[in-house]
mmCIF file of all heavy atoms, coordinates in Angstrom:
data_MODEL
# 
_entry.id   MODEL 
# 
loop_
_atom_site.group_PDB 
_atom_site.id 
_atom_site.type_symbol 
_atom_site.label_atom_id 
_atom_site.label_alt_id 
_atom_site.label_comp_id 
_atom_site.label_asym_id 
_atom_site.label_entity_id 
_atom_site.label_seq_id 
_atom_site.pdbx_PDB_ins_code 
_atom_site.Cartn_x 
_atom_site.Cartn_y 
_atom_site.Cartn_z 
_atom_site.occupancy 
_atom_site.B_iso_or_equiv 
_atom_site.pdbx_formal_charge 
_atom_site.auth_seq_id 
_atom_site.auth_comp_id 
_atom_site.auth_asym_id 
_atom_site.auth_atom_id 
_atom_site.pdbx_PDB_model_num 
ATOM 1   N N   . LEU A 1 1  ? 128.700 110.969 71.656  1.00 0.00 ? 1  LEU A N   1 
ATOM 2   C CA  . LEU A 1 1  ? 129.118 110.107 72.757  1.00 0.00 ? 1  LEU A CA  1 
ATOM 3   C C   . LEU A 1 1  ? 129.221 108.672 72.263  1.00 0.00 ? 1  LEU A C   1 
ATOM 4   O O   . LEU A 1 1  ? 128.268 108.131 71.691  1.00 0.00 ? 1  LEU A O   1 
ATOM 5   C CB  . LEU A 1 1  ? 128.115 110.208 73.907  1.00 0.00 ? 1  LEU A CB  1 
ATOM 6   C CG  . LEU A 1 1  ? 128.487 109.551 75.245  1.00 0.00 ? 1  LEU A CG  1 
ATOM 7   C CD1 . LEU A 1 1  ? 127.708 110.206 76.375  1.00 0.00 ? 1  LEU A CD1 1 
ATOM 8   C CD2 . LEU A 1 1  ? 128.208 108.049 75.259  1.00 0.00 ? 1  LEU A CD2 1 
ATOM 9   N N   . GLU A 1 2  ? 130.349 108.072 72.475  1.00 0.00 ? 2  GLU A N   1 
ATOM 10  C CA  . GLU A 1 2  ? 130.550 106.675 72.096  1.00 0.00 ? 2  GLU A CA  1 
ATOM 11  C C   . GLU A 1 2  ? 131.249 105.944 73.233  1.00 0.00 ? 2  GLU A C   1 
ATOM 12  O O   . GLU A 1 2  ? 132.179 106.469 73.846  1.00 0.00 ? 2  GLU A O   1 
ATOM 13  C CB  . GLU A 1 2  ? 131.386 106.568 70.816  1.00 0.00 ? 2  GLU A CB  1 
ATOM 14  C CG  . GLU A 1 2  ? 130.697 107.115 69.576  1.00 0.00 ? 2  GLU A CG  1 
ATOM 15  C CD  . GLU A 1 2  ? 131.539 106.917 68.327  1.00 0.00 ? 2  GLU A CD  1 
ATOM 16  O OE1 . GLU A 1 2  ? 132.633 106.314 68.440  1.00 0.00 ? 2  GLU A OE1 1 
ATOM 17  O OE2 . GLU A 1 2  ? 131.117 107.376 67.250  1.00 0.00 ? 2  GLU A OE2 1 
ATOM 18  N N   . LEU A 1 3  ? 130.805 104.722 73.496  1.00 0.00 ? 3  LEU A N   1 
ATOM 19  C CA  . LEU A 1 3  ? 131.470 103.901 74.504  1.00 0.00 ? 3  LEU A CA  1 
ATOM 20  C C   . LEU A 1 3  ? 132.813 103.423 73.965  1.00 0.00 ? 3  LEU A C   1 
ATOM 21  O O   . LEU A 1 3  ? 132.995 103.294 72.742  1.00 0.00 ? 3  LEU A O   1 
ATOM 22  C CB  . LEU A 1 3  ? 130.607 102.688 74.844  1.00 0.00 ? 3  LEU A CB  1 
ATOM 23  C CG  . LEU A 1 3  ? 129.313 102.958 75.614  1.00 0.00 ? 3  LEU A CG  1 
ATOM 24  C CD1 . LEU A 1 3  ? 128.521 101.663 75.776  1.00 0.00 ? 3  LEU A CD1 1 
ATOM 25  C CD2 . LEU A 1 3  ? 129.606 103.564 76.979  1.00 0.00 ? 3  LEU A CD2 1 
ATOM 26  N N   . PRO A 1 4  ? 133.773 103.149 74.848  1.00 0.00 ? 4  PRO A N   1 
ATOM 27  C CA  . PRO A 1 4  ? 135.045 102.586 74.387  1.00 0.00 ? 4  PRO A CA  1 
ATOM 28  C C   . PRO A 1 4  ? 134.817 101.300 73.593  1.00 0.00 ? 4  PRO A C   1 
ATOM 29  O O   . PRO A 1 4  ? 133.874 100.550 73.863  1.00 0.00 ? 4  PRO A O   1 
ATOM 30  C CB  . PRO A 1 4  ? 135.799 102.308 75.697  1.00 0.00 ? 4  PRO A CB  1 
ATOM 31  C CG  . PRO A 1 4  ? 135.201 103.266 76.677  1.00 0.00 ? 4  PRO A CG  1 
ATOM 32  C CD  . PRO A 1 4  ? 133.760 103.390 76.298  1.00 0.00 ? 4  PRO A CD  1 
ATOM 33  N N   . GLU A 1 5  ? 135.643 101.044 72.636  1.00 0.00 ? 5  GLU A N   1 
ATOM 34  C CA  . GLU A 1 5  ? 135.495 99.883  71.766  1.00 0.00 ? 5  GLU A CA  1 
ATOM 35  C C   . GLU A 1 5  ? 135.453 98.582  72.582  1.00 0.00 ? 5  GLU A C   1 
ATOM 36  O O   . GLU A 1 5  ? 136.265 98.365  73.482  1.00 0.00 ? 5  GLU A O   1 
ATOM 37  C CB  . GLU A 1 5  ? 136.664 99.822  70.777  1.00 0.00 ? 5  GLU A CB  1 
ATOM 38  C CG  . GLU A 1 5  ? 136.535 98.710  69.751  1.00 0.00 ? 5  GLU A CG  1 
ATOM 39  C CD  . GLU A 1 5  ? 137.685 98.712  68.762  1.00 0.00 ? 5  GLU A CD  1 
ATOM 40  O OE1 . GLU A 1 5  ? 138.533 99.637  68.821  1.00 0.00 ? 5  GLU A OE1 1 
ATOM 41  O OE2 . GLU A 1 5  ? 137.746 97.787  67.925  1.00 0.00 ? 5  GLU A OE2 1 
ATOM 42  N N   . GLY A 1 6  ? 134.477 97.756  72.260  1.00 0.00 ? 6  GLY A N   1 
ATOM 43  C CA  . GLY A 1 6  ? 134.368 96.453  72.899  1.00 0.00 ? 6  GLY A CA  1 
ATOM 44  C C   . GLY A 1 6  ? 133.590 96.433  74.196  1.00 0.00 ? 6  GLY A C   1 
ATOM 45  O O   . GLY A 1 6  ? 133.366 95.358  74.774  1.00 0.00 ? 6  GLY A O   1 
ATOM 46  N N   . CYS A 1 7  ? 133.161 97.593  74.672  1.00 0.00 ? 7  CYS A N   1 
ATOM 47  C CA  . CYS A 1 7  ? 132.431 97.642  75.950  1.00 0.00 ? 7  CYS A CA  1 
ATOM 48  C C   . CYS A 1 7  ? 130.953 97.324  75.728  1.00 0.00 ? 7  CYS A C   1 
ATOM 49  O O   . CYS A 1 7  ? 130.101 98.223  75.687  1.00 0.00 ? 7  CYS A O   1 
ATOM 50  C CB  . CYS A 1 7  ? 132.606 99.003  76.608  1.00 0.00 ? 7  CYS A CB  1 
ATOM 51  S SG  . CYS A 1 7  ? 134.271 99.279  77.254  1.00 0.00 ? 7  CYS A SG  1 
ATOM 52  N N   . HIS A 1 8  ? 130.670 96.044  75.587  1.00 0.00 ? 8  HIS A N   1 
ATOM 53  C CA  . HIS A 1 8  ? 129.318 95.587  75.295  1.00 0.00 ? 8  HIS A CA  1 
ATOM 54  C C   . HIS A 1 8  ? 128.596 95.043  76.534  1.00 0.00 ? 8  HIS A C   1 
ATOM 55  O O   . HIS A 1 8  ? 127.497 94.513  76.417  1.00 0.00 ? 8  HIS A O   1 
ATOM 56  C CB  . HIS A 1 8  ? 129.357 94.498  74.221  1.00 0.00 ? 8  HIS A CB  1 
ATOM 57  C CG  . HIS A 1 8  ? 130.038 94.930  72.966  1.00 0.00 ? 8  HIS A CG  1 
ATOM 58  N ND1 . HIS A 1 8  ? 129.698 96.086  72.295  1.00 0.00 ? 8  HIS A ND1 1 
ATOM 59  C CD2 . HIS A 1 8  ? 131.061 94.355  72.252  1.00 0.00 ? 8  HIS A CD2 1 
ATOM 60  C CE1 . HIS A 1 8  ? 130.464 96.216  71.226  1.00 0.00 ? 8  HIS A CE1 1 
ATOM 61  N NE2 . HIS A 1 8  ? 131.298 95.191  71.177  1.00 0.00 ? 8  HIS A NE2 1 
ATOM 62  N N   . ARG A 1 9  ? 129.225 95.153  77.696  1.00 0.00 ? 9  ARG A N   1 
ATOM 63  C CA  . ARG A 1 9  ? 128.603 94.695  78.930  1.00 0.00 ? 9  ARG A CA  1 
ATOM 64  C C   . ARG A 1 9  ? 128.560 95.847  79.935  1.00 0.00 ? 9  ARG A C   1 
ATOM 65  O O   . ARG A 1 9  ? 129.418 96.719  79.933  1.00 0.00 ? 9  ARG A O   1 
ATOM 66  C CB  . ARG A 1 9  ? 129.379 93.520  79.542  1.00 0.00 ? 9  ARG A CB  1 
ATOM 67  C CG  . ARG A 1 9  ? 129.285 92.221  78.755  1.00 0.00 ? 9  ARG A CG  1 
ATOM 68  C CD  . ARG A 1 9  ? 127.907 91.580  78.929  1.00 0.00 ? 9  ARG A CD  1 
ATOM 69  N NE  . ARG A 1 9  ? 127.851 90.261  78.340  1.00 0.00 ? 9  ARG A NE  1 
ATOM 70  C CZ  . ARG A 1 9  ? 127.500 89.996  77.093  1.00 0.00 ? 9  ARG A CZ  1 
ATOM 71  N NH1 . ARG A 1 9  ? 127.198 91.009  76.278  1.00 0.00 ? 9  ARG A NH1 1 
ATOM 72  N NH2 . ARG A 1 9  ? 127.447 88.766  76.650  1.00 0.00 ? 9  ARG A NH2 1 
ATOM 73  N N   . ALA A 1 10 ? 127.551 95.798  80.793  1.00 0.00 ? 10 ALA A N   1 
ATOM 74  C CA  . ALA A 1 10 ? 127.453 96.779  81.877  1.00 0.00 ? 10 ALA A CA  1 
ATOM 75  C C   . ALA A 1 10 ? 127.189 96.031  83.171  1.00 0.00 ? 10 ALA A C   1 
ATOM 76  O O   . ALA A 1 10 ? 126.281 95.194  83.241  1.00 0.00 ? 10 ALA A O   1 
ATOM 77  C CB  . ALA A 1 10 ? 126.334 97.776  81.612  1.00 0.00 ? 10 ALA A CB  1 
ATOM 78  N N   . VAL A 1 11 ? 127.994 96.315  84.177  1.00 0.00 ? 11 VAL A N   1 
ATOM 79  C CA  . VAL A 1 11 ? 127.727 95.817  85.521  1.00 0.00 ? 11 VAL A CA  1 
ATOM 80  C C   . VAL A 1 11 ? 126.848 96.866  86.183  1.00 0.00 ? 11 VAL A C   1 
ATOM 81  O O   . VAL A 1 11 ? 127.267 98.006  86.385  1.00 0.00 ? 11 VAL A O   1 
ATOM 82  C CB  . VAL A 1 11 ? 129.025 95.619  86.328  1.00 0.00 ? 11 VAL A CB  1 
ATOM 83  C CG1 . VAL A 1 11 ? 128.705 95.014  87.686  1.00 0.00 ? 11 VAL A CG1 1 
ATOM 84  C CG2 . VAL A 1 11 ? 130.002 94.733  85.566  1.00 0.00 ? 11 VAL A CG2 1 
ATOM 85  N N   . VAL A 1 12 ? 125.606 96.504  86.484  1.00 0.00 ? 12 VAL A N   1 
ATOM 86  C CA  . VAL A 1 12 ? 124.622 97.465  86.998  1.00 0.00 ? 12 VAL A CA  1 
ATOM 87  C C   . VAL A 1 12 ? 124.443 97.259  88.499  1.00 0.00 ? 12 VAL A C   1 
ATOM 88  O O   . VAL A 1 12 ? 124.244 96.127  88.963  1.00 0.00 ? 12 VAL A O   1 
ATOM 89  C CB  . VAL A 1 12 ? 123.267 97.313  86.276  1.00 0.00 ? 12 VAL A CB  1 
ATOM 90  C CG1 . VAL A 1 12 ? 122.321 98.437  86.686  1.00 0.00 ? 12 VAL A CG1 1 
ATOM 91  C CG2 . VAL A 1 12 ? 123.460 97.305  84.756  1.00 0.00 ? 12 VAL A CG2 1 
ATOM 92  N N   . VAL A 1 13 ? 124.507 98.345  89.230  1.00 0.00 ? 13 VAL A N   1 
ATOM 93  C CA  . VAL A 1 13 ? 124.452 98.304  90.697  1.00 0.00 ? 13 VAL A CA  1 
ATOM 94  C C   . VAL A 1 13 ? 123.260 99.119  91.197  1.00 0.00 ? 13 VAL A C   1 
ATOM 95  O O   . VAL A 1 13 ? 122.996 100.224 90.700  1.00 0.00 ? 13 VAL A O   1 
ATOM 96  C CB  . VAL A 1 13 ? 125.760 98.863  91.303  1.00 0.00 ? 13 VAL A CB  1 
ATOM 97  C CG1 . VAL A 1 13 ? 125.610 99.128  92.789  1.00 0.00 ? 13 VAL A CG1 1 
ATOM 98  C CG2 . VAL A 1 13 ? 126.918 97.899  91.041  1.00 0.00 ? 13 VAL A CG2 1 
ATOM 99  N N   . ALA A 1 14 ? 122.535 98.581  92.164  1.00 0.00 ? 14 ALA A N   1 
ATOM 100 C CA  . ALA A 1 14 ? 121.459 99.308  92.840  1.00 0.00 ? 14 ALA A CA  1 
ATOM 101 C C   . ALA A 1 14 ? 121.861 99.523  94.293  1.00 0.00 ? 14 ALA A C   1 
ATOM 102 O O   . ALA A 1 14 ? 122.334 98.595  94.959  1.00 0.00 ? 14 ALA A O   1 
ATOM 103 C CB  . ALA A 1 14 ? 120.147 98.534  92.764  1.00 0.00 ? 14 ALA A CB  1 
ATOM 104 N N   . LEU A 1 15 ? 121.664 100.741 94.770  1.00 0.00 ? 15 LEU A N   1 
ATOM 105 C CA  . LEU A 1 15 ? 122.007 101.116 96.142  1.00 0.00 ? 15 LEU A CA  1 
ATOM 106 C C   . LEU A 1 15 ? 120.748 101.592 96.845  1.00 0.00 ? 15 LEU A C   1 
ATOM 107 O O   . LEU A 1 15 ? 120.095 102.542 96.403  1.00 0.00 ? 15 LEU A O   1 
ATOM 108 C CB  . LEU A 1 15 ? 123.062 102.220 96.132  1.00 0.00 ? 15 LEU A CB  1 
ATOM 109 C CG  . LEU A 1 15 ? 124.374 101.841 95.428  1.00 0.00 ? 15 LEU A CG  1 
ATOM 110 C CD1 . LEU A 1 15 ? 125.112 103.079 94.977  1.00 0.00 ? 15 LEU A CD1 1 
ATOM 111 C CD2 . LEU A 1 15 ? 125.243 101.020 96.362  1.00 0.00 ? 15 LEU A CD2 1 
ATOM 112 N N   . ALA A 1 16 ? 120.384 100.936 97.934  1.00 0.00 ? 16 ALA A N   1 
ATOM 113 C CA  . ALA A 1 16 ? 119.148 101.269 98.642  1.00 0.00 ? 16 ALA A CA  1 
ATOM 114 C C   . ALA A 1 16 ? 119.307 102.542 99.466  1.00 0.00 ? 16 ALA A C   1 
ATOM 115 O O   . ALA A 1 16 ? 120.369 102.803 100.028 1.00 0.00 ? 16 ALA A O   1 
ATOM 116 C CB  . ALA A 1 16 ? 118.740 100.110 99.551  1.00 0.00 ? 16 ALA A CB  1 
ATOM 117 N N   . MET A 1 17 ? 118.235 103.321 99.526  1.00 0.00 ? 17 MET A N   1 
ATOM 118 C CA  . MET A 1 17 ? 118.196 104.525 100.353 1.00 0.00 ? 17 MET A CA  1 
ATOM 119 C C   . MET A 1 17 ? 117.472 104.228 101.666 1.00 0.00 ? 17 MET A C   1 
ATOM 120 O O   . MET A 1 17 ? 116.699 103.267 101.749 1.00 0.00 ? 17 MET A O   1 
ATOM 121 C CB  . MET A 1 17 ? 117.507 105.659 99.586  1.00 0.00 ? 17 MET A CB  1 
ATOM 122 C CG  . MET A 1 17 ? 118.271 106.093 98.343  1.00 0.00 ? 17 MET A CG  1 
ATOM 123 S SD  . MET A 1 17 ? 117.433 107.396 97.397  1.00 0.00 ? 17 MET A SD  1 
ATOM 124 C CE  . MET A 1 17 ? 116.098 106.465 96.617  1.00 0.00 ? 17 MET A CE  1 
ATOM 125 N N   . ASP A 1 18 ? 117.712 105.046 102.667 1.00 0.00 ? 18 ASP A N   1 
ATOM 126 C CA  . ASP A 1 18 ? 117.164 104.845 104.008 1.00 0.00 ? 18 ASP A CA  1 
ATOM 127 C C   . ASP A 1 18 ? 115.635 104.837 103.983 1.00 0.00 ? 18 ASP A C   1 
ATOM 128 O O   . ASP A 1 18 ? 114.997 105.815 103.584 1.00 0.00 ? 18 ASP A O   1 
ATOM 129 C CB  . ASP A 1 18 ? 117.668 105.966 104.926 1.00 0.00 ? 18 ASP A CB  1 
ATOM 130 C CG  . ASP A 1 18 ? 117.304 105.733 106.385 1.00 0.00 ? 18 ASP A CG  1 
ATOM 131 O OD1 . ASP A 1 18 ? 116.099 105.831 106.713 1.00 0.00 ? 18 ASP A OD1 1 
ATOM 132 O OD2 . ASP A 1 18 ? 118.214 105.470 107.188 1.00 0.00 ? 18 ASP A OD2 1 
ATOM 133 N N   . TYR A 1 19 ? 115.035 103.735 104.426 1.00 0.00 ? 19 TYR A N   1 
ATOM 134 C CA  . TYR A 1 19 ? 113.579 103.567 104.368 1.00 0.00 ? 19 TYR A CA  1 
ATOM 135 C C   . TYR A 1 19 ? 112.848 104.600 105.213 1.00 0.00 ? 19 TYR A C   1 
ATOM 136 O O   . TYR A 1 19 ? 111.914 105.268 104.748 1.00 0.00 ? 19 TYR A O   1 
ATOM 137 C CB  . TYR A 1 19 ? 113.210 102.152 104.825 1.00 0.00 ? 19 TYR A CB  1 
ATOM 138 C CG  . TYR A 1 19 ? 111.728 101.911 104.974 1.00 0.00 ? 19 TYR A CG  1 
ATOM 139 C CD1 . TYR A 1 19 ? 110.893 101.886 103.864 1.00 0.00 ? 19 TYR A CD1 1 
ATOM 140 C CD2 . TYR A 1 19 ? 111.157 101.708 106.231 1.00 0.00 ? 19 TYR A CD2 1 
ATOM 141 C CE1 . TYR A 1 19 ? 109.526 101.662 104.000 1.00 0.00 ? 19 TYR A CE1 1 
ATOM 142 C CE2 . TYR A 1 19 ? 109.793 101.486 106.377 1.00 0.00 ? 19 TYR A CE2 1 
ATOM 143 C CZ  . TYR A 1 19 ? 108.984 101.460 105.259 1.00 0.00 ? 19 TYR A CZ  1 
ATOM 144 O OH  . TYR A 1 19 ? 107.639 101.254 105.393 1.00 0.00 ? 19 TYR A OH  1 
ATOM 145 N N   . GLU A 1 20 ? 113.261 104.773 106.451 1.00 0.00 ? 20 GLU A N   1 
ATOM 146 C CA  . GLU A 1 20 ? 112.577 105.683 107.356 1.00 0.00 ? 20 GLU A CA  1 
ATOM 147 C C   . GLU A 1 20 ? 112.740 107.139 106.913 1.00 0.00 ? 20 GLU A C   1 
ATOM 148 O O   . GLU A 1 20 ? 111.797 107.928 106.987 1.00 0.00 ? 20 GLU A O   1 
ATOM 149 C CB  . GLU A 1 20 ? 113.095 105.505 108.785 1.00 0.00 ? 20 GLU A CB  1 
ATOM 150 C CG  . GLU A 1 20 ? 112.792 104.144 109.396 1.00 0.00 ? 20 GLU A CG  1 
ATOM 151 C CD  . GLU A 1 20 ? 111.300 103.894 109.576 1.00 0.00 ? 20 GLU A CD  1 
ATOM 152 O OE1 . GLU A 1 20 ? 110.540 104.884 109.617 1.00 0.00 ? 20 GLU A OE1 1 
ATOM 153 O OE2 . GLU A 1 20 ? 110.899 102.727 109.681 1.00 0.00 ? 20 GLU A OE2 1 
ATOM 154 N N   . ALA A 1 21 ? 113.921 107.503 106.450 1.00 0.00 ? 21 ALA A N   1 
ATOM 155 C CA  . ALA A 1 21 ? 114.146 108.876 105.992 1.00 0.00 ? 21 ALA A CA  1 
ATOM 156 C C   . ALA A 1 21 ? 113.313 109.187 104.760 1.00 0.00 ? 21 ALA A C   1 
ATOM 157 O O   . ALA A 1 21 ? 112.751 110.283 104.632 1.00 0.00 ? 21 ALA A O   1 
ATOM 158 C CB  . ALA A 1 21 ? 115.628 109.099 105.699 1.00 0.00 ? 21 ALA A CB  1 
ATOM 159 N N   . MET A 1 22 ? 113.197 108.236 103.839 1.00 0.00 ? 22 MET A N   1 
ATOM 160 C CA  . MET A 1 22 ? 112.438 108.465 102.617 1.00 0.00 ? 22 MET A CA  1 
ATOM 161 C C   . MET A 1 22 ? 110.942 108.603 102.889 1.00 0.00 ? 22 MET A C   1 
ATOM 162 O O   . MET A 1 22 ? 110.214 109.192 102.088 1.00 0.00 ? 22 MET A O   1 
ATOM 163 C CB  . MET A 1 22 ? 112.688 107.336 101.624 1.00 0.00 ? 22 MET A CB  1 
ATOM 164 C CG  . MET A 1 22 ? 114.107 107.258 101.087 1.00 0.00 ? 22 MET A CG  1 
ATOM 165 S SD  . MET A 1 22 ? 114.617 108.751 100.215 1.00 0.00 ? 22 MET A SD  1 
ATOM 166 C CE  . MET A 1 22 ? 113.633 108.609 98.730  1.00 0.00 ? 22 MET A CE  1 
ATOM 167 N N   . ARG A 1 23 ? 110.481 108.108 104.022 1.00 0.00 ? 23 ARG A N   1 
ATOM 168 C CA  . ARG A 1 23 ? 109.055 108.226 104.356 1.00 0.00 ? 23 ARG A CA  1 
ATOM 169 C C   . ARG A 1 23 ? 108.674 109.663 104.725 1.00 0.00 ? 23 ARG A C   1 
ATOM 170 O O   . ARG A 1 23 ? 107.492 109.966 104.878 1.00 0.00 ? 23 ARG A O   1 
ATOM 171 C CB  . ARG A 1 23 ? 108.697 107.280 105.511 1.00 0.00 ? 23 ARG A CB  1 
ATOM 172 C CG  . ARG A 1 23 ? 108.810 105.809 105.152 1.00 0.00 ? 23 ARG A CG  1 
ATOM 173 C CD  . ARG A 1 23 ? 108.287 104.921 106.254 1.00 0.00 ? 23 ARG A CD  1 
ATOM 174 N NE  . ARG A 1 23 ? 106.819 104.953 106.311 1.00 0.00 ? 23 ARG A NE  1 
ATOM 175 C CZ  . ARG A 1 23 ? 106.103 104.367 107.276 1.00 0.00 ? 23 ARG A CZ  1 
ATOM 176 N NH1 . ARG A 1 23 ? 106.726 103.727 108.259 1.00 0.00 ? 23 ARG A NH1 1 
ATOM 177 N NH2 . ARG A 1 23 ? 104.800 104.423 107.259 1.00 0.00 ? 23 ARG A NH2 1 
ATOM 178 N N   . SER A 1 24 ? 109.672 110.548 104.845 1.00 0.00 ? 24 SER A N   1 
ATOM 179 C CA  . SER A 1 24 ? 109.389 111.949 105.164 1.00 0.00 ? 24 SER A CA  1 
ATOM 180 C C   . SER A 1 24 ? 109.274 112.826 103.920 1.00 0.00 ? 24 SER A C   1 
ATOM 181 O O   . SER A 1 24 ? 109.028 114.030 104.036 1.00 0.00 ? 24 SER A O   1 
ATOM 182 C CB  . SER A 1 24 ? 110.482 112.518 106.069 1.00 0.00 ? 24 SER A CB  1 
ATOM 183 O OG  . SER A 1 24 ? 111.694 112.692 105.342 1.00 0.00 ? 24 SER A OG  1 
ATOM 184 N N   . SER A 1 25 ? 109.454 112.259 102.730 1.00 0.00 ? 25 SER A N   1 
ATOM 185 C CA  . SER A 1 25 ? 109.398 113.057 101.500 1.00 0.00 ? 25 SER A CA  1 
ATOM 186 C C   . SER A 1 25 ? 108.071 113.805 101.406 1.00 0.00 ? 25 SER A C   1 
ATOM 187 O O   . SER A 1 25 ? 107.019 113.260 101.777 1.00 0.00 ? 25 SER A O   1 
ATOM 188 C CB  . SER A 1 25 ? 109.568 112.138 100.293 1.00 0.00 ? 25 SER A CB  1 
ATOM 189 O OG  . SER A 1 25 ? 109.543 112.883 99.092  1.00 0.00 ? 25 SER A OG  1 
ATOM 190 N N   . PRO A 1 26 ? 108.096 115.071 100.952 1.00 0.00 ? 26 PRO A N   1 
ATOM 191 C CA  . PRO A 1 26 ? 109.179 115.784 100.251 1.00 0.00 ? 26 PRO A CA  1 
ATOM 192 C C   . PRO A 1 26 ? 109.994 116.732 101.131 1.00 0.00 ? 26 PRO A C   1 
ATOM 193 O O   . PRO A 1 26 ? 110.260 117.869 100.751 1.00 0.00 ? 26 PRO A O   1 
ATOM 194 C CB  . PRO A 1 26 ? 108.405 116.561 99.189  1.00 0.00 ? 26 PRO A CB  1 
ATOM 195 C CG  . PRO A 1 26 ? 107.125 116.940 99.883  1.00 0.00 ? 26 PRO A CG  1 
ATOM 196 C CD  . PRO A 1 26 ? 106.820 115.794 100.825 1.00 0.00 ? 26 PRO A CD  1 
ATOM 197 N N   . THR A 1 27 ? 110.423 116.309 102.305 1.00 0.00 ? 27 THR A N   1 
ATOM 198 C CA  . THR A 1 27 ? 111.218 117.159 103.191 1.00 0.00 ? 27 THR A CA  1 
ATOM 199 C C   . THR A 1 27 ? 112.707 117.077 102.837 1.00 0.00 ? 27 THR A C   1 
ATOM 200 O O   . THR A 1 27 ? 113.139 116.226 102.049 1.00 0.00 ? 27 THR A O   1 
ATOM 201 C CB  . THR A 1 27 ? 111.043 116.728 104.656 1.00 0.00 ? 27 THR A CB  1 
ATOM 202 O OG1 . THR A 1 27 ? 111.631 115.428 104.827 1.00 0.00 ? 27 THR A OG1 1 
ATOM 203 C CG2 . THR A 1 27 ? 109.571 116.684 105.040 1.00 0.00 ? 27 THR A CG2 1 
# 
């Protein structure tokens, strides 16, 4: 696996999950 030539930057994104729904884990 190799990245395309010159791709030395990454735009990193975080996406939040539903707070109330996650409090029911591990359902």
